[in-house]
């Protein structure tokens, strides 16, 4: 293993270099917007049975 690794390869592996050299090819990242508010673990379940979300529909997540 006496060969040297190209610095551009190591930079890409470490995440310091973008994968795309053309800045216009990739769309900018946009934050995800929720349609409904996030349900907390201790909030009532969204199905309406009266149990906590973590004990009902949140159990399988």
PDB file of N, CA and C in Angstrom:
ATOM      1  N   UNK A   1       0.841  -1.179   0.000  1.00  0.00           N
ATOM      2  CA  UNK A   1       0.000   0.000   0.000  1.00  0.00           C
ATOM      3  C   UNK A   1       0.887   1.243   0.000  1.00  0.00           C
ATOM      4  N   UNK A   2       1.867   1.249  -0.848  1.00  0.00           N
ATOM      5  CA  UNK A   2       2.782   2.376  -0.920  1.00  0.00           C
ATOM      6  C   UNK A   2       2.290   3.481  -1.846  1.00  0.00           C
ATOM      7  N   UNK A   3       1.170   3.243  -2.562  1.00  0.00           N
ATOM      8  CA  UNK A   3       0.638   4.274  -3.458  1.00  0.00           C
ATOM      9  C   UNK A   3      -0.005   5.386  -2.652  1.00  0.00           C
ATOM     10  N   UNK A   4       0.057   6.585  -3.203  1.00  0.00           N
ATOM     11  CA  UNK A   4      -0.574   7.729  -2.536  1.00  0.00           C
ATOM     12  C   UNK A   4      -1.968   7.928  -3.119  1.00  0.00           C
ATOM     13  N   UNK A   5      -2.887   8.319  -2.272  1.00  0.00           N
ATOM     14  CA  UNK A   5      -4.260   8.578  -2.700  1.00  0.00           C
ATOM     15  C   UNK A   5      -4.363  10.034  -3.118  1.00  0.00           C
ATOM     16  N   UNK A   6      -5.064  10.251  -4.220  1.00  0.00           N
ATOM     17  CA  UNK A   6      -5.257  11.602  -4.748  1.00  0.00           C
ATOM     18  C   UNK A   6      -5.984  12.464  -3.701  1.00  0.00           C
ATOM     19  N   UNK A   7      -5.497  13.686  -3.404  1.00  0.00           N
ATOM     20  CA  UNK A   7      -6.147  14.535  -2.387  1.00  0.00           C
ATOM     21  C   UNK A   7      -7.606  14.863  -2.695  1.00  0.00           C
ATOM     22  N   UNK A   8      -7.981  14.931  -3.972  1.00  0.00           N
ATOM     23  CA  UNK A   8      -9.383  15.225  -4.291  1.00  0.00           C
ATOM     24  C   UNK A   8     -10.289  14.074  -3.859  1.00  0.00           C
ATOM     25  N   UNK A   9      -9.777  12.863  -3.917  1.00  0.00           N
ATOM     26  CA  UNK A   9     -10.566  11.706  -3.486  1.00  0.00           C
ATOM     27  C   UNK A   9     -10.750  11.725  -1.974  1.00  0.00           C
ATOM     28  N   UNK A  10      -9.691  12.002  -1.242  1.00  0.00           N
ATOM     29  CA  UNK A  10      -9.818  12.030   0.215  1.00  0.00           C
ATOM     30  C   UNK A  10     -10.712  13.177   0.675  1.00  0.00           C
ATOM     31  N   UNK A  11     -10.666  14.312  -0.021  1.00  0.00           N
ATOM     32  CA  UNK A  11     -11.543  15.436   0.332  1.00  0.00           C
ATOM     33  C   UNK A  11     -12.998  15.063   0.101  1.00  0.00           C
ATOM     34  N   UNK A  12     -13.278  14.342  -0.981  1.00  0.00           N
ATOM     35  CA  UNK A  12     -14.656  13.939  -1.267  1.00  0.00           C
ATOM     36  C   UNK A  12     -15.136  12.922  -0.239  1.00  0.00           C
ATOM     37  N   UNK A  13     -14.266  12.019   0.187  1.00  0.00           N
ATOM     38  CA  UNK A  13     -14.637  11.026   1.199  1.00  0.00           C
ATOM     39  C   UNK A  13     -14.928  11.701   2.531  1.00  0.00           C
ATOM     40  N   UNK A  14     -14.140  12.689   2.892  1.00  0.00           N
ATOM     41  CA  UNK A  14     -14.329  13.391   4.158  1.00  0.00           C
ATOM     42  C   UNK A  14     -15.499  14.355   4.118  1.00  0.00           C
ATOM     43  N   UNK A  15     -16.057  14.614   2.960  1.00  0.00           N
ATOM     44  CA  UNK A  15     -17.209  15.497   2.843  1.00  0.00           C
ATOM     45  C   UNK A  15     -16.855  16.960   2.712  1.00  0.00           C
ATOM     46  N   UNK A  16     -15.594  17.261   2.405  1.00  0.00           N
ATOM     47  CA  UNK A  16     -15.173  18.653   2.288  1.00  0.00           C
ATOM     48  C   UNK A  16     -15.363  19.215   0.892  1.00  0.00           C
ATOM     49  N   UNK A  17     -15.624  18.366  -0.068  1.00  0.00           N
ATOM     50  CA  UNK A  17     -15.761  18.806  -1.449  1.00  0.00           C
ATOM     51  C   UNK A  17     -17.140  18.396  -1.962  1.00  0.00           C
ATOM     52  N   UNK A  18     -17.844  19.296  -2.633  1.00  0.00           N
ATOM     53  CA  UNK A  18     -19.156  18.910  -3.157  1.00  0.00           C
ATOM     54  C   UNK A  18     -19.025  17.836  -4.229  1.00  0.00           C
ATOM     55  N   UNK A  19     -20.007  16.999  -4.354  1.00  0.00           N
ATOM     56  CA  UNK A  19     -19.984  15.933  -5.350  1.00  0.00           C
ATOM     57  C   UNK A  19     -20.174  16.475  -6.752  1.00  0.00           C
ATOM     58  N   UNK A  20     -20.839  17.577  -6.863  1.00  0.00           N
ATOM     59  CA  UNK A  20     -21.158  18.148  -8.163  1.00  0.00           C
ATOM     60  C   UNK A  20     -20.254  19.353  -8.409  1.00  0.00           C
ATOM     61  N   UNK A  21     -19.537  19.340  -9.511  1.00  0.00           N
ATOM     62  CA  UNK A  21     -18.647  20.459  -9.801  1.00  0.00           C
ATOM     63  C   UNK A  21     -19.398  21.622 -10.447  1.00  0.00           C
ATOM     64  N   UNK A  22     -20.558  21.350 -11.038  1.00  0.00           N
ATOM     65  CA  UNK A  22     -21.356  22.398 -11.668  1.00  0.00           C
ATOM     66  C   UNK A  22     -22.383  22.891 -10.653  1.00  0.00           C
ATOM     67  N   UNK A  23     -22.257  24.137 -10.229  1.00  0.00           N
ATOM     68  CA  UNK A  23     -23.113  24.659  -9.159  1.00  0.00           C
ATOM     69  C   UNK A  23     -24.585  24.746  -9.557  1.00  0.00           C
ATOM     70  N   UNK A  24     -24.892  24.869 -10.825  1.00  0.00           N
ATOM     71  CA  UNK A  24     -26.271  25.023 -11.258  1.00  0.00           C
ATOM     72  C   UNK A  24     -27.008  23.728 -11.502  1.00  0.00           C
ATOM     73  N   UNK A  25     -26.339  22.587 -11.383  1.00  0.00           N
ATOM     74  CA  UNK A  25     -26.991  21.325 -11.736  1.00  0.00           C
ATOM     75  C   UNK A  25     -27.888  20.792 -10.620  1.00  0.00           C
ATOM     76  N   UNK A  26     -27.562  21.078  -9.381  1.00  0.00           N
ATOM     77  CA  UNK A  26     -28.320  20.548  -8.253  1.00  0.00           C
ATOM     78  C   UNK A  26     -29.214  21.636  -7.667  1.00  0.00           C
ATOM     79  N   UNK A  27     -30.498  21.340  -7.440  1.00  0.00           N
ATOM     80  CA  UNK A  27     -31.373  22.352  -6.840  1.00  0.00           C
ATOM     81  C   UNK A  27     -30.990  22.578  -5.379  1.00  0.00           C
ATOM     82  N   UNK A  28     -31.183  23.778  -4.869  1.00  0.00           N
ATOM     83  CA  UNK A  28     -30.859  24.038  -3.456  1.00  0.00           C
ATOM     84  C   UNK A  28     -31.799  23.260  -2.543  1.00  0.00           C
ATOM     85  N   UNK A  29     -31.295  22.865  -1.390  1.00  0.00           N
ATOM     86  CA  UNK A  29     -32.104  22.113  -0.433  1.00  0.00           C
ATOM     87  C   UNK A  29     -33.113  23.046   0.219  1.00  0.00           C
ATOM     88  N   UNK A  30     -34.341  22.585   0.317  1.00  0.00           N
ATOM     89  CA  UNK A  30     -35.382  23.365   0.968  1.00  0.00           C
ATOM     90  C   UNK A  30     -35.836  22.616   2.216  1.00  0.00           C
ATOM     91  N   UNK A  31     -36.155  23.322   3.288  1.00  0.00           N
ATOM     92  CA  UNK A  31     -36.612  22.632   4.504  1.00  0.00           C
ATOM     93  C   UNK A  31     -37.968  21.969   4.282  1.00  0.00           C
ATOM     94  N   UNK A  32     -38.165  20.865   4.965  1.00  0.00           N
ATOM     95  CA  UNK A  32     -39.424  20.134   4.872  1.00  0.00           C
ATOM     96  C   UNK A  32     -40.453  20.833   5.741  1.00  0.00           C
ATOM     97  N   UNK A  33     -41.622  21.088   5.174  1.00  0.00           N
ATOM     98  CA  UNK A  33     -42.696  21.722   5.941  1.00  0.00           C
ATOM     99  C   UNK A  33     -43.741  20.667   6.285  1.00  0.00           C
ATOM    100  N   UNK A  34     -44.204  20.698   7.511  1.00  0.00           N
ATOM    101  CA  UNK A  34     -45.212  19.739   7.960  1.00  0.00           C
ATOM    102  C   UNK A  34     -46.612  20.257   7.618  1.00  0.00           C
ATOM    103  N   UNK A  35     -47.491  19.344   7.239  1.00  0.00           N
ATOM    104  CA  UNK A  35     -48.881  19.694   6.956  1.00  0.00           C
ATOM    105  C   UNK A  35     -49.637  19.863   8.268  1.00  0.00           C
ATOM    106  N   UNK A  36     -49.397  18.945   9.194  1.00  0.00           N
ATOM    107  CA  UNK A  36     -50.040  18.992  10.512  1.00  0.00           C
ATOM    108  C   UNK A  36     -48.959  19.198  11.566  1.00  0.00           C
ATOM    109  N   UNK A  37     -49.304  19.741  12.716  1.00  0.00           N
ATOM    110  CA  UNK A  37     -48.290  19.908  13.770  1.00  0.00           C
ATOM    111  C   UNK A  37     -47.773  18.557  14.250  1.00  0.00           C
ATOM    112  N   UNK A  38     -46.540  18.534  14.712  1.00  0.00           N
ATOM    113  CA  UNK A  38     -45.915  17.312  15.188  1.00  0.00           C
ATOM    114  C   UNK A  38     -46.606  16.836  16.464  1.00  0.00           C
ATOM    115  N   UNK A  39     -46.811  15.535  16.560  1.00  0.00           N
ATOM    116  CA  UNK A  39     -47.466  14.943  17.727  1.00  0.00           C
ATOM    117  C   UNK A  39     -46.387  14.541  18.720  1.00  0.00           C
ATOM    118  N   UNK A  40     -46.494  15.014  19.949  1.00  0.00           N
ATOM    119  CA  UNK A  40     -45.543  14.636  20.994  1.00  0.00           C
ATOM    120  C   UNK A  40     -45.857  13.256  21.539  1.00  0.00           C
ATOM    121  N   UNK A  41     -44.873  12.654  22.159  1.00  0.00           N
ATOM    122  CA  UNK A  41     -45.065  11.300  22.699  1.00  0.00           C
ATOM    123  C   UNK A  41     -46.126  11.246  23.786  1.00  0.00           C
ATOM    124  N   UNK A  42     -46.245  12.296  24.592  1.00  0.00           N
ATOM    125  CA  UNK A  42     -47.205  12.290  25.698  1.00  0.00           C
ATOM    126  C   UNK A  42     -48.522  12.967  25.352  1.00  0.00           C
ATOM    127  N   UNK A  43     -48.674  13.396  24.106  1.00  0.00           N
ATOM    128  CA  UNK A  43     -49.939  13.997  23.665  1.00  0.00           C
ATOM    129  C   UNK A  43     -50.970  12.901  23.438  1.00  0.00           C
ATOM    130  N   UNK A  44     -52.260  13.255  23.470  1.00  0.00           N
ATOM    131  CA  UNK A  44     -53.293  12.264  23.143  1.00  0.00           C
ATOM    132  C   UNK A  44     -53.116  11.757  21.711  1.00  0.00           C
ATOM    133  N   UNK A  45     -53.450  10.508  21.496  1.00  0.00           N
ATOM    134  CA  UNK A  45     -53.261   9.894  20.183  1.00  0.00           C
ATOM    135  C   UNK A  45     -54.142  10.562  19.134  1.00  0.00           C
ATOM    136  N   UNK A  46     -53.642  10.594  17.918  1.00  0.00           N
ATOM    137  CA  UNK A  46     -54.372  11.243  16.823  1.00  0.00           C
ATOM    138  C   UNK A  46     -55.565  10.419  16.347  1.00  0.00           C
ATOM    139  N   UNK A  47     -55.618   9.134  16.733  1.00  0.00           N
ATOM    140  CA  UNK A  47     -56.749   8.314  16.306  1.00  0.00           C
ATOM    141  C   UNK A  47     -57.998   8.580  17.147  1.00  0.00           C
ATOM    142  N   UNK A  48     -57.812   9.232  18.318  1.00  0.00           N
ATOM    143  CA  UNK A  48     -58.966   9.646  19.110  1.00  0.00           C
ATOM    144  C   UNK A  48     -59.435   8.659  20.147  1.00  0.00           C
ATOM    145  N   UNK A  49     -58.665   7.625  20.488  1.00  0.00           N
ATOM    146  CA  UNK A  49     -59.158   6.654  21.466  1.00  0.00           C
ATOM    147  C   UNK A  49     -58.888   7.067  22.903  1.00  0.00           C
ATOM    148  N   UNK A  50     -58.146   8.173  23.134  1.00  0.00           N
ATOM    149  CA  UNK A  50     -57.918   8.675  24.472  1.00  0.00           C
ATOM    150  C   UNK A  50     -56.602   8.235  25.098  1.00  0.00           C
ATOM    151  N   UNK A  51     -55.911   7.297  24.514  1.00  0.00           N
ATOM    152  CA  UNK A  51     -54.618   6.856  25.042  1.00  0.00           C
ATOM    153  C   UNK A  51     -53.518   7.808  24.591  1.00  0.00           C
ATOM    154  N   UNK A  52     -52.362   7.732  25.258  1.00  0.00           N
ATOM    155  CA  UNK A  52     -51.218   8.531  24.837  1.00  0.00           C
ATOM    156  C   UNK A  52     -50.711   8.000  23.498  1.00  0.00           C
ATOM    157  N   UNK A  53     -50.146   8.909  22.709  1.00  0.00           N
ATOM    158  CA  UNK A  53     -49.638   8.542  21.394  1.00  0.00           C
ATOM    159  C   UNK A  53     -48.577   7.448  21.495  1.00  0.00           C
ATOM    160  N   UNK A  54     -47.686   7.536  22.504  1.00  0.00           N
ATOM    161  CA  UNK A  54     -46.602   6.555  22.618  1.00  0.00           C
ATOM    162  C   UNK A  54     -47.116   5.162  22.975  1.00  0.00           C
ATOM    163  N   UNK A  55     -48.311   5.068  23.575  1.00  0.00           N
ATOM    164  CA  UNK A  55     -48.884   3.775  23.937  1.00  0.00           C
ATOM    165  C   UNK A  55     -49.837   3.240  22.864  1.00  0.00           C
ATOM    166  N   UNK A  56     -50.142   4.053  21.869  1.00  0.00           N
ATOM    167  CA  UNK A  56     -51.128   3.661  20.855  1.00  0.00           C
ATOM    168  C   UNK A  56     -50.454   3.567  19.482  1.00  0.00           C
ATOM    169  N   UNK A  57     -50.665   4.557  18.654  1.00  0.00           N
ATOM    170  CA  UNK A  57     -50.146   4.545  17.279  1.00  0.00           C
ATOM    171  C   UNK A  57     -48.643   4.794  17.215  1.00  0.00           C
ATOM    172  N   UNK A  58     -48.062   5.407  18.228  1.00  0.00           N
ATOM    173  CA  UNK A  58     -46.632   5.662  18.242  1.00  0.00           C
ATOM    174  C   UNK A  58     -45.800   4.465  18.662  1.00  0.00           C
ATOM    175  N   UNK A  59     -46.445   3.412  19.070  1.00  0.00           N
ATOM    176  CA  UNK A  59     -45.731   2.221  19.529  1.00  0.00           C
ATOM    177  C   UNK A  59     -44.940   1.566  18.398  1.00  0.00           C
ATOM    178  N   UNK A  60     -45.452   1.588  17.194  1.00  0.00           N
ATOM    179  CA  UNK A  60     -44.826   0.891  16.072  1.00  0.00           C
ATOM    180  C   UNK A  60     -43.834   1.755  15.311  1.00  0.00           C
ATOM    181  N   UNK A  61     -43.581   2.968  15.778  1.00  0.00           N
ATOM    182  CA  UNK A  61     -42.649   3.842  15.054  1.00  0.00           C
ATOM    183  C   UNK A  61     -41.235   3.616  15.465  1.00  0.00           C
TER     184      UNK A  61
END
